[in-house]
């Protein structure tokens, strides 16, 4: 409804949807809520249980369950849902939100999400799902040891990552994303301080995590966990992994949900002459 000319009624506060792939009980999500609570109306919709590494998978969505969550002395509208992270975003946008969502933020994730492996990430999957609805979205992750990736460890300090999320969210609410960007993938070094610089990056082509292969009880090889395996000497200088691992700065990597290859007709001339 259009307000009459000269109306003094203030514009409604932006609606910010927060989610994650670690689950509603994650300290990283709690830190994110507290960081952005004063930037607008906060709505939280997150998976009921740990859902890391599910990418943008969809599936059955259970009923929304109200959760007790507070930030900065105020109760926050929060729900958990038996669903994948991307499905939780859908539930937030289509079921829980009573008006258009201005910004979606996924995180703060236990563990960095780097390179071409981001399609595995539930955190990035949340952001991509939100972007498919035309909503600007941020996926923010904190570098941690692999032993914490599926935990709710209170040893991990989200203070700096939360400050980064707040600063970036405030800017995103008043400035459109850079041209062509649908998602901002943010990765914060474990030793970052409040004055650590930021850098615009792109995805590294290097594999960042490698599956661990061990011998099973029957002597046959099996996949057992994963480990970080990166050759820092050959990382692209403008990549997310180089920014994080080598230069120890905050990586801000714009992503597009258009996965079309950028080759020209001239460059592919003759390729389909089968």
C-alpha atoms as a PDB file:
ATOM      1  CA  UNK A   1       0.000   0.000   0.000  1.00  0.00           C
ATOM      2  CA  UNK A   2       1.365   3.432  -0.943  1.00  0.00           C
ATOM      3  CA  UNK A   3       1.535   5.945   1.869  1.00  0.00           C
ATOM      4  CA  UNK A   4      -0.094   9.336   1.268  1.00  0.00           C
ATOM      5  CA  UNK A   5       2.260  12.100   0.224  1.00  0.00           C
ATOM      6  CA  UNK A   6       3.645  13.900   3.234  1.00  0.00           C
ATOM      7  CA  UNK A   7       3.020  10.972   5.582  1.00  0.00           C
ATOM      8  CA  UNK A   8       5.286  11.065   8.627  1.00  0.00           C
ATOM      9  CA  UNK A   9       4.965   7.328   9.283  1.00  0.00           C
ATOM     10  CA  UNK A  10       8.488   5.867   9.421  1.00  0.00           C
ATOM     11  CA  UNK A  11       9.632   3.144   7.056  1.00  0.00           C
ATOM     12  CA  UNK A  12       9.509  -0.302   8.672  1.00  0.00           C
ATOM     13  CA  UNK A  13      12.809  -1.722   9.880  1.00  0.00           C
ATOM     14  CA  UNK A  14      14.420  -4.138   7.427  1.00  0.00           C
ATOM     15  CA  UNK A  15      13.578  -7.787   8.015  1.00  0.00           C
ATOM     16  CA  UNK A  16      16.747  -9.865   8.377  1.00  0.00           C
ATOM     17  CA  UNK A  17      16.458 -13.636   8.171  1.00  0.00           C
ATOM     18  CA  UNK A  18      19.232 -15.543   9.960  1.00  0.00           C
ATOM     19  CA  UNK A  19      19.925 -19.221   9.443  1.00  0.00           C
ATOM     20  CA  UNK A  20      22.750 -21.766   9.382  1.00  0.00           C
ATOM     21  CA  UNK A  21      23.644 -25.386   8.721  1.00  0.00           C
ATOM     22  CA  UNK A  22      24.972 -26.177  12.209  1.00  0.00           C
ATOM     23  CA  UNK A  23      21.542 -26.132  13.829  1.00  0.00           C
ATOM     24  CA  UNK A  24      19.459 -23.865  16.027  1.00  0.00           C
ATOM     25  CA  UNK A  25      21.624 -24.520  19.122  1.00  0.00           C
ATOM     26  CA  UNK A  26      24.887 -23.389  17.522  1.00  0.00           C
ATOM     27  CA  UNK A  27      26.871 -20.741  19.417  1.00  0.00           C
ATOM     28  CA  UNK A  28      27.847 -19.317  16.023  1.00  0.00           C
ATOM     29  CA  UNK A  29      24.203 -18.584  15.230  1.00  0.00           C
ATOM     30  CA  UNK A  30      23.700 -17.066  18.664  1.00  0.00           C
ATOM     31  CA  UNK A  31      26.701 -14.780  18.101  1.00  0.00           C
ATOM     32  CA  UNK A  32      25.275 -13.717  14.740  1.00  0.00           C
ATOM     33  CA  UNK A  33      21.881 -12.910  16.268  1.00  0.00           C
ATOM     34  CA  UNK A  34      23.470 -10.725  18.918  1.00  0.00           C
ATOM     35  CA  UNK A  35      25.644  -8.978  16.325  1.00  0.00           C
ATOM     36  CA  UNK A  36      22.856  -7.855  13.986  1.00  0.00           C
ATOM     37  CA  UNK A  37      19.893  -7.568  16.377  1.00  0.00           C
ATOM     38  CA  UNK A  38      20.003  -3.774  16.317  1.00  0.00           C
ATOM     39  CA  UNK A  39      20.090  -3.476  12.511  1.00  0.00           C
ATOM     40  CA  UNK A  40      16.420  -4.308  11.970  1.00  0.00           C
ATOM     41  CA  UNK A  41      13.784  -6.895  12.756  1.00  0.00           C
ATOM     42  CA  UNK A  42      15.515 -10.255  13.151  1.00  0.00           C
ATOM     43  CA  UNK A  43      13.858 -13.540  12.252  1.00  0.00           C
ATOM     44  CA  UNK A  44      15.686 -16.821  12.887  1.00  0.00           C
ATOM     45  CA  UNK A  45      14.783 -20.051  11.099  1.00  0.00           C
ATOM     46  CA  UNK A  46      17.366 -22.824  11.334  1.00  0.00           C
ATOM     47  CA  UNK A  47      17.564 -26.618  11.122  1.00  0.00           C
ATOM     48  CA  UNK A  48      16.704 -28.400  14.349  1.00  0.00           C
ATOM     49  CA  UNK A  49      19.861 -30.522  14.134  1.00  0.00           C
ATOM     50  CA  UNK A  50      23.381 -30.393  12.693  1.00  0.00           C
ATOM     51  CA  UNK A  51      23.191 -30.356   8.875  1.00  0.00           C
ATOM     52  CA  UNK A  52      26.722 -29.472   7.736  1.00  0.00           C
ATOM     53  CA  UNK A  53      27.873 -30.441   4.228  1.00  0.00           C
ATOM     54  CA  UNK A  54      24.355 -30.776   2.819  1.00  0.00           C
ATOM     55  CA  UNK A  55      24.842 -28.090   0.173  1.00  0.00           C
ATOM     56  CA  UNK A  56      21.553 -26.874  -1.296  1.00  0.00           C
ATOM     57  CA  UNK A  57      19.788 -30.183  -0.776  1.00  0.00           C
ATOM     58  CA  UNK A  58      16.026 -30.056  -0.314  1.00  0.00           C
ATOM     59  CA  UNK A  59      13.616 -32.540   1.194  1.00  0.00           C
ATOM     60  CA  UNK A  60      10.778 -32.955   3.630  1.00  0.00           C
ATOM     61  CA  UNK A  61      10.078 -29.905   5.771  1.00  0.00           C
ATOM     62  CA  UNK A  62       8.606 -30.436   9.226  1.00  0.00           C
ATOM     63  CA  UNK A  63       6.498 -27.933  11.159  1.00  0.00           C
ATOM     64  CA  UNK A  64       8.047 -24.777  12.552  1.00  0.00           C
ATOM     65  CA  UNK A  65       8.809 -25.022  16.259  1.00  0.00           C
ATOM     66  CA  UNK A  66       9.080 -21.832  18.306  1.00  0.00           C
ATOM     67  CA  UNK A  67      12.421 -21.433  20.086  1.00  0.00           C
ATOM     68  CA  UNK A  68      13.395 -19.217  23.016  1.00  0.00           C
ATOM     69  CA  UNK A  69      16.122 -16.868  21.793  1.00  0.00           C
ATOM     70  CA  UNK A  70      17.127 -13.452  23.074  1.00  0.00           C
ATOM     71  CA  UNK A  71      19.670 -10.855  21.983  1.00  0.00           C
ATOM     72  CA  UNK A  72      20.696  -7.588  23.591  1.00  0.00           C
ATOM     73  CA  UNK A  73      17.939  -7.964  26.158  1.00  0.00           C
ATOM     74  CA  UNK A  74      15.180  -8.505  23.583  1.00  0.00           C
ATOM     75  CA  UNK A  75      13.339 -11.668  22.597  1.00  0.00           C
ATOM     76  CA  UNK A  76      13.897 -12.677  18.986  1.00  0.00           C
ATOM     77  CA  UNK A  77      11.343 -14.445  16.814  1.00  0.00           C
ATOM     78  CA  UNK A  78      13.049 -17.793  16.266  1.00  0.00           C
ATOM     79  CA  UNK A  79      12.020 -21.159  14.898  1.00  0.00           C
ATOM     80  CA  UNK A  80      13.671 -24.518  14.392  1.00  0.00           C
ATOM     81  CA  UNK A  81      12.552 -26.902  11.682  1.00  0.00           C
ATOM     82  CA  UNK A  82      13.313 -30.513  10.824  1.00  0.00           C
ATOM     83  CA  UNK A  83      14.771 -29.741   7.409  1.00  0.00           C
ATOM     84  CA  UNK A  84      17.936 -29.188   5.422  1.00  0.00           C
ATOM     85  CA  UNK A  85      19.503 -25.716   5.596  1.00  0.00           C
ATOM     86  CA  UNK A  86      18.154 -24.686   2.184  1.00  0.00           C
ATOM     87  CA  UNK A  87      14.691 -25.965   3.113  1.00  0.00           C
ATOM     88  CA  UNK A  88      14.899 -24.001   6.372  1.00  0.00           C
ATOM     89  CA  UNK A  89      15.503 -20.863   4.295  1.00  0.00           C
ATOM     90  CA  UNK A  90      12.423 -21.664   2.221  1.00  0.00           C
ATOM     91  CA  UNK A  91      10.406 -22.124   5.391  1.00  0.00           C
ATOM     92  CA  UNK A  92      11.683 -18.807   6.685  1.00  0.00           C
ATOM     93  CA  UNK A  93      10.814 -16.894   3.529  1.00  0.00           C
ATOM     94  CA  UNK A  94       7.495 -18.595   2.721  1.00  0.00           C
ATOM     95  CA  UNK A  95       6.099 -19.546   6.141  1.00  0.00           C
ATOM     96  CA  UNK A  96       7.656 -17.519   8.954  1.00  0.00           C
ATOM     97  CA  UNK A  97       8.190 -14.105   7.359  1.00  0.00           C
ATOM     98  CA  UNK A  98       5.129 -11.878   7.362  1.00  0.00           C
ATOM     99  CA  UNK A  99       6.644  -9.381   4.926  1.00  0.00           C
ATOM    100  CA  UNK A 100       9.466  -9.303   2.354  1.00  0.00           C
ATOM    101  CA  UNK A 101      12.906 -10.260   3.664  1.00  0.00           C
ATOM    102  CA  UNK A 102      15.555  -7.585   3.069  1.00  0.00           C
ATOM    103  CA  UNK A 103      18.658  -9.678   3.763  1.00  0.00           C
ATOM    104  CA  UNK A 104      19.528 -13.286   4.586  1.00  0.00           C
ATOM    105  CA  UNK A 105      22.661 -14.166   6.563  1.00  0.00           C
ATOM    106  CA  UNK A 106      23.820 -17.755   7.046  1.00  0.00           C
ATOM    107  CA  UNK A 107      26.319 -18.596   9.778  1.00  0.00           C
ATOM    108  CA  UNK A 108      28.459 -18.092  11.641  1.00  0.00           C
ATOM    109  CA  UNK A 109      29.802 -21.435  10.463  1.00  0.00           C
ATOM    110  CA  UNK A 110      32.321 -23.601  12.289  1.00  0.00           C
ATOM    111  CA  UNK A 111      34.975 -23.919   9.604  1.00  0.00           C
ATOM    112  CA  UNK A 112      35.922 -21.993   6.482  1.00  0.00           C
ATOM    113  CA  UNK A 113      34.249 -22.683   3.134  1.00  0.00           C
ATOM    114  CA  UNK A 114      36.794 -22.384   0.349  1.00  0.00           C
ATOM    115  CA  UNK A 115      37.106 -22.772  -3.389  1.00  0.00           C
ATOM    116  CA  UNK A 116      35.043 -25.041  -5.597  1.00  0.00           C
ATOM    117  CA  UNK A 117      34.008 -27.019  -2.520  1.00  0.00           C
ATOM    118  CA  UNK A 118      31.495 -24.323  -1.611  1.00  0.00           C
ATOM    119  CA  UNK A 119      28.769 -26.286  -3.403  1.00  0.00           C
ATOM    120  CA  UNK A 120      29.087 -28.838  -0.591  1.00  0.00           C
ATOM    121  CA  UNK A 121      28.595 -26.221   2.117  1.00  0.00           C
ATOM    122  CA  UNK A 122      25.209 -26.000   3.805  1.00  0.00           C
ATOM    123  CA  UNK A 123      26.058 -22.442   4.821  1.00  0.00           C
ATOM    124  CA  UNK A 124      26.581 -21.402   1.213  1.00  0.00           C
ATOM    125  CA  UNK A 125      23.590 -23.536   0.219  1.00  0.00           C
ATOM    126  CA  UNK A 126      21.405 -21.389   2.497  1.00  0.00           C
ATOM    127  CA  UNK A 127      22.656 -18.228   0.839  1.00  0.00           C
ATOM    128  CA  UNK A 128      22.176 -19.602  -2.676  1.00  0.00           C
ATOM    129  CA  UNK A 129      18.612 -20.642  -1.866  1.00  0.00           C
ATOM    130  CA  UNK A 130      17.844 -17.147  -0.569  1.00  0.00           C
ATOM    131  CA  UNK A 131      19.423 -15.599  -3.663  1.00  0.00           C
ATOM    132  CA  UNK A 132      17.163 -17.725  -5.871  1.00  0.00           C
ATOM    133  CA  UNK A 133      14.286 -15.709  -4.395  1.00  0.00           C
ATOM    134  CA  UNK A 134      16.024 -12.471  -5.324  1.00  0.00           C
ATOM    135  CA  UNK A 135      17.127 -11.730  -1.758  1.00  0.00           C
ATOM    136  CA  UNK A 136      20.707 -10.529  -1.167  1.00  0.00           C
ATOM    137  CA  UNK A 137      22.466 -13.027   1.064  1.00  0.00           C
ATOM    138  CA  UNK A 138      25.670 -13.438   3.028  1.00  0.00           C
ATOM    139  CA  UNK A 139      27.330 -16.719   4.009  1.00  0.00           C
ATOM    140  CA  UNK A 140      29.852 -16.154   6.798  1.00  0.00           C
ATOM    141  CA  UNK A 141      32.283 -18.728   8.158  1.00  0.00           C
ATOM    142  CA  UNK A 142      35.085 -18.738  10.709  1.00  0.00           C
ATOM    143  CA  UNK A 143      38.266 -20.736  10.159  1.00  0.00           C
ATOM    144  CA  UNK A 144      38.434 -23.502  12.770  1.00  0.00           C
ATOM    145  CA  UNK A 145      40.183 -26.818  13.210  1.00  0.00           C
ATOM    146  CA  UNK A 146      38.305 -29.728  11.625  1.00  0.00           C
ATOM    147  CA  UNK A 147      37.657 -31.223  15.072  1.00  0.00           C
ATOM    148  CA  UNK A 148      35.179 -28.370  15.678  1.00  0.00           C
ATOM    149  CA  UNK A 149      33.314 -28.537  12.362  1.00  0.00           C
ATOM    150  CA  UNK A 150      30.486 -30.713  13.667  1.00  0.00           C
ATOM    151  CA  UNK A 151      30.541 -29.480  17.255  1.00  0.00           C
ATOM    152  CA  UNK A 152      29.035 -26.741  19.383  1.00  0.00           C
ATOM    153  CA  UNK A 153      32.382 -26.015  20.967  1.00  0.00           C
ATOM    154  CA  UNK A 154      32.409 -22.997  23.255  1.00  0.00           C
ATOM    155  CA  UNK A 155      36.180 -22.840  22.814  1.00  0.00           C
ATOM    156  CA  UNK A 156      35.710 -21.157  19.429  1.00  0.00           C
ATOM    157  CA  UNK A 157      35.528 -17.357  19.745  1.00  0.00           C
ATOM    158  CA  UNK A 158      33.062 -15.778  17.295  1.00  0.00           C
ATOM    159  CA  UNK A 159      33.595 -12.190  18.467  1.00  0.00           C
ATOM    160  CA  UNK A 160      35.505 -10.909  15.440  1.00  0.00           C
ATOM    161  CA  UNK A 161      33.461 -12.874  12.901  1.00  0.00           C
ATOM    162  CA  UNK A 162      30.295 -11.438  14.467  1.00  0.00           C
ATOM    163  CA  UNK A 163      31.681  -7.914  14.172  1.00  0.00           C
ATOM    164  CA  UNK A 164      32.501  -8.561  10.503  1.00  0.00           C
ATOM    165  CA  UNK A 165      28.962  -9.829   9.920  1.00  0.00           C
ATOM    166  CA  UNK A 166      27.447  -6.760  11.565  1.00  0.00           C
ATOM    167  CA  UNK A 167      29.546  -4.314   9.581  1.00  0.00           C
ATOM    168  CA  UNK A 168      28.894  -6.064   6.281  1.00  0.00           C
ATOM    169  CA  UNK A 169      25.167  -6.466   6.961  1.00  0.00           C
ATOM    170  CA  UNK A 170      24.800  -2.791   7.788  1.00  0.00           C
ATOM    171  CA  UNK A 171      26.480  -1.885   4.511  1.00  0.00           C
ATOM    172  CA  UNK A 172      24.468  -4.437   2.506  1.00  0.00           C
ATOM    173  CA  UNK A 173      21.176  -3.037   3.793  1.00  0.00           C
ATOM    174  CA  UNK A 174      21.930   0.343   2.212  1.00  0.00           C
ATOM    175  CA  UNK A 175      24.152  -0.560  -0.757  1.00  0.00           C
ATOM    176  CA  UNK A 176      23.391  -3.045  -3.556  1.00  0.00           C
ATOM    177  CA  UNK A 177      25.855  -5.896  -3.967  1.00  0.00           C
ATOM    178  CA  UNK A 178      28.634  -5.456  -6.546  1.00  0.00           C
ATOM    179  CA  UNK A 179      27.451  -5.939 -10.131  1.00  0.00           C
ATOM    180  CA  UNK A 180      26.470  -9.520 -10.894  1.00  0.00           C
ATOM    181  CA  UNK A 181      26.844 -10.765  -7.307  1.00  0.00           C
ATOM    182  CA  UNK A 182      23.981 -12.675  -5.679  1.00  0.00           C
ATOM    183  CA  UNK A 183      25.843 -13.942  -2.609  1.00  0.00           C
ATOM    184  CA  UNK A 184      28.768 -12.670  -0.567  1.00  0.00           C
ATOM    185  CA  UNK A 185      30.805 -15.582   0.815  1.00  0.00           C
ATOM    186  CA  UNK A 186      32.830 -14.347   3.782  1.00  0.00           C
ATOM    187  CA  UNK A 187      35.608 -16.287   5.503  1.00  0.00           C
ATOM    188  CA  UNK A 188      37.308 -14.964   8.634  1.00  0.00           C
ATOM    189  CA  UNK A 189      40.768 -16.176   9.745  1.00  0.00           C
ATOM    190  CA  UNK A 190      40.891 -17.773  13.182  1.00  0.00           C
ATOM    191  CA  UNK A 191      43.384 -15.146  14.383  1.00  0.00           C
ATOM    192  CA  UNK A 192      41.580 -12.128  12.894  1.00  0.00           C
ATOM    193  CA  UNK A 193      41.282  -8.958  14.964  1.00  0.00           C
ATOM    194  CA  UNK A 194      38.762  -6.151  14.692  1.00  0.00           C
ATOM    195  CA  UNK A 195      41.172  -4.208  12.470  1.00  0.00           C
ATOM    196  CA  UNK A 196      42.101  -7.108  10.162  1.00  0.00           C
ATOM    197  CA  UNK A 197      41.730  -5.934   6.534  1.00  0.00           C
ATOM    198  CA  UNK A 198      39.142  -7.283   4.109  1.00  0.00           C
ATOM    199  CA  UNK A 199      39.792  -8.335   0.522  1.00  0.00           C
ATOM    200  CA  UNK A 200      37.550  -9.046  -2.460  1.00  0.00           C
ATOM    201  CA  UNK A 201      38.493 -12.490  -3.767  1.00  0.00           C
ATOM    202  CA  UNK A 202      37.451 -15.269  -6.131  1.00  0.00           C
ATOM    203  CA  UNK A 203      37.187 -19.009  -5.593  1.00  0.00           C
ATOM    204  CA  UNK A 204      40.410 -20.956  -5.751  1.00  0.00           C
ATOM    205  CA  UNK A 205      40.516 -23.810  -8.263  1.00  0.00           C
ATOM    206  CA  UNK A 206      42.555 -25.910  -5.840  1.00  0.00           C
ATOM    207  CA  UNK A 207      40.861 -28.656  -3.879  1.00  0.00           C
ATOM    208  CA  UNK A 208      40.834 -27.406  -0.309  1.00  0.00           C
ATOM    209  CA  UNK A 209      39.655 -30.426   1.656  1.00  0.00           C
ATOM    210  CA  UNK A 210      40.631 -33.985   0.751  1.00  0.00           C
ATOM    211  CA  UNK A 211      38.843 -37.111   2.017  1.00  0.00           C
ATOM    212  CA  UNK A 212      40.907 -39.338   4.285  1.00  0.00           C
ATOM    213  CA  UNK A 213      41.227 -42.911   3.042  1.00  0.00           C
ATOM    214  CA  UNK A 214      41.825 -45.591   5.669  1.00  0.00           C
ATOM    215  CA  UNK A 215      41.681 -49.387   5.802  1.00  0.00           C
ATOM    216  CA  UNK A 216      38.478 -50.877   7.159  1.00  0.00           C
ATOM    217  CA  UNK A 217      38.167 -53.975   9.364  1.00  0.00           C
ATOM    218  CA  UNK A 218      37.840 -56.080   6.220  1.00  0.00           C
ATOM    219  CA  UNK A 219      41.030 -54.635   4.779  1.00  0.00           C
ATOM    220  CA  UNK A 220      39.184 -52.689   2.093  1.00  0.00           C
ATOM    221  CA  UNK A 221      39.753 -48.924   1.792  1.00  0.00           C
ATOM    222  CA  UNK A 222      37.069 -46.599   3.091  1.00  0.00           C
ATOM    223  CA  UNK A 223      36.520 -42.859   3.368  1.00  0.00           C
ATOM    224  CA  UNK A 224      36.983 -41.623   6.908  1.00  0.00           C
ATOM    225  CA  UNK A 225      36.667 -37.892   7.463  1.00  0.00           C
ATOM    226  CA  UNK A 226      38.684 -35.261   5.638  1.00  0.00           C
ATOM    227  CA  UNK A 227      41.646 -32.958   6.067  1.00  0.00           C
ATOM    228  CA  UNK A 228      42.876 -29.649   4.669  1.00  0.00           C
ATOM    229  CA  UNK A 229      45.349 -30.200   1.865  1.00  0.00           C
ATOM    230  CA  UNK A 230      46.448 -27.025   0.094  1.00  0.00           C
ATOM    231  CA  UNK A 231      49.635 -26.083  -1.723  1.00  0.00           C
ATOM    232  CA  UNK A 232      50.053 -22.480  -0.571  1.00  0.00           C
ATOM    233  CA  UNK A 233      52.865 -21.876  -3.058  1.00  0.00           C
ATOM    234  CA  UNK A 234      50.575 -22.348  -6.057  1.00  0.00           C
ATOM    235  CA  UNK A 235      47.425 -20.638  -4.776  1.00  0.00           C
ATOM    236  CA  UNK A 236      46.051 -17.907  -7.020  1.00  0.00           C
ATOM    237  CA  UNK A 237      47.010 -14.541  -5.528  1.00  0.00           C
ATOM    238  CA  UNK A 238      43.463 -13.208  -5.780  1.00  0.00           C
ATOM    239  CA  UNK A 239      41.801 -16.326  -4.374  1.00  0.00           C
ATOM    240  CA  UNK A 240      39.813 -16.808  -1.186  1.00  0.00           C
ATOM    241  CA  UNK A 241      42.254 -19.457   0.047  1.00  0.00           C
ATOM    242  CA  UNK A 242      45.292 -17.228  -0.484  1.00  0.00           C
ATOM    243  CA  UNK A 243      43.640 -14.373   1.404  1.00  0.00           C
ATOM    244  CA  UNK A 244      42.777 -16.614   4.333  1.00  0.00           C
ATOM    245  CA  UNK A 245      45.729 -18.981   4.575  1.00  0.00           C
ATOM    246  CA  UNK A 246      48.650 -16.868   3.342  1.00  0.00           C
ATOM    247  CA  UNK A 247      47.772 -13.229   3.953  1.00  0.00           C
ATOM    248  CA  UNK A 248      45.479 -13.845   6.955  1.00  0.00           C
ATOM    249  CA  UNK A 249      42.884 -11.286   5.861  1.00  0.00           C
ATOM    250  CA  UNK A 250      39.102 -11.552   5.693  1.00  0.00           C
ATOM    251  CA  UNK A 251      38.000 -12.949   2.327  1.00  0.00           C
ATOM    252  CA  UNK A 252      34.834 -11.451   0.795  1.00  0.00           C
ATOM    253  CA  UNK A 253      34.059 -13.487  -2.299  1.00  0.00           C
ATOM    254  CA  UNK A 254      31.106 -12.414  -4.487  1.00  0.00           C
ATOM    255  CA  UNK A 255      29.251 -15.381  -6.005  1.00  0.00           C
ATOM    256  CA  UNK A 256      26.590 -15.668  -8.681  1.00  0.00           C
ATOM    257  CA  UNK A 257      23.910 -18.337  -8.832  1.00  0.00           C
ATOM    258  CA  UNK A 258      24.241 -18.315 -12.627  1.00  0.00           C
ATOM    259  CA  UNK A 259      26.598 -21.254 -13.205  1.00  0.00           C
ATOM    260  CA  UNK A 260      26.752 -20.731 -16.961  1.00  0.00           C
ATOM    261  CA  UNK A 261      30.281 -20.845 -18.384  1.00  0.00           C
ATOM    262  CA  UNK A 262      31.488 -17.518 -19.722  1.00  0.00           C
ATOM    263  CA  UNK A 263      32.957 -18.678 -23.020  1.00  0.00           C
ATOM    264  CA  UNK A 264      31.978 -16.860 -26.213  1.00  0.00           C
ATOM    265  CA  UNK A 265      30.512 -18.325 -29.382  1.00  0.00           C
ATOM    266  CA  UNK A 266      33.812 -17.588 -31.091  1.00  0.00           C
ATOM    267  CA  UNK A 267      35.737 -19.465 -28.416  1.00  0.00           C
ATOM    268  CA  UNK A 268      33.515 -22.522 -28.808  1.00  0.00           C
ATOM    269  CA  UNK A 269      33.323 -22.345 -32.595  1.00  0.00           C
ATOM    270  CA  UNK A 270      33.329 -25.846 -34.028  1.00  0.00           C
ATOM    271  CA  UNK A 271      33.171 -27.636 -30.678  1.00  0.00           C
ATOM    272  CA  UNK A 272      29.640 -28.940 -31.295  1.00  0.00           C
ATOM    273  CA  UNK A 273      30.349 -30.016 -34.864  1.00  0.00           C
ATOM    274  CA  UNK A 274      29.844 -33.637 -33.939  1.00  0.00           C
END
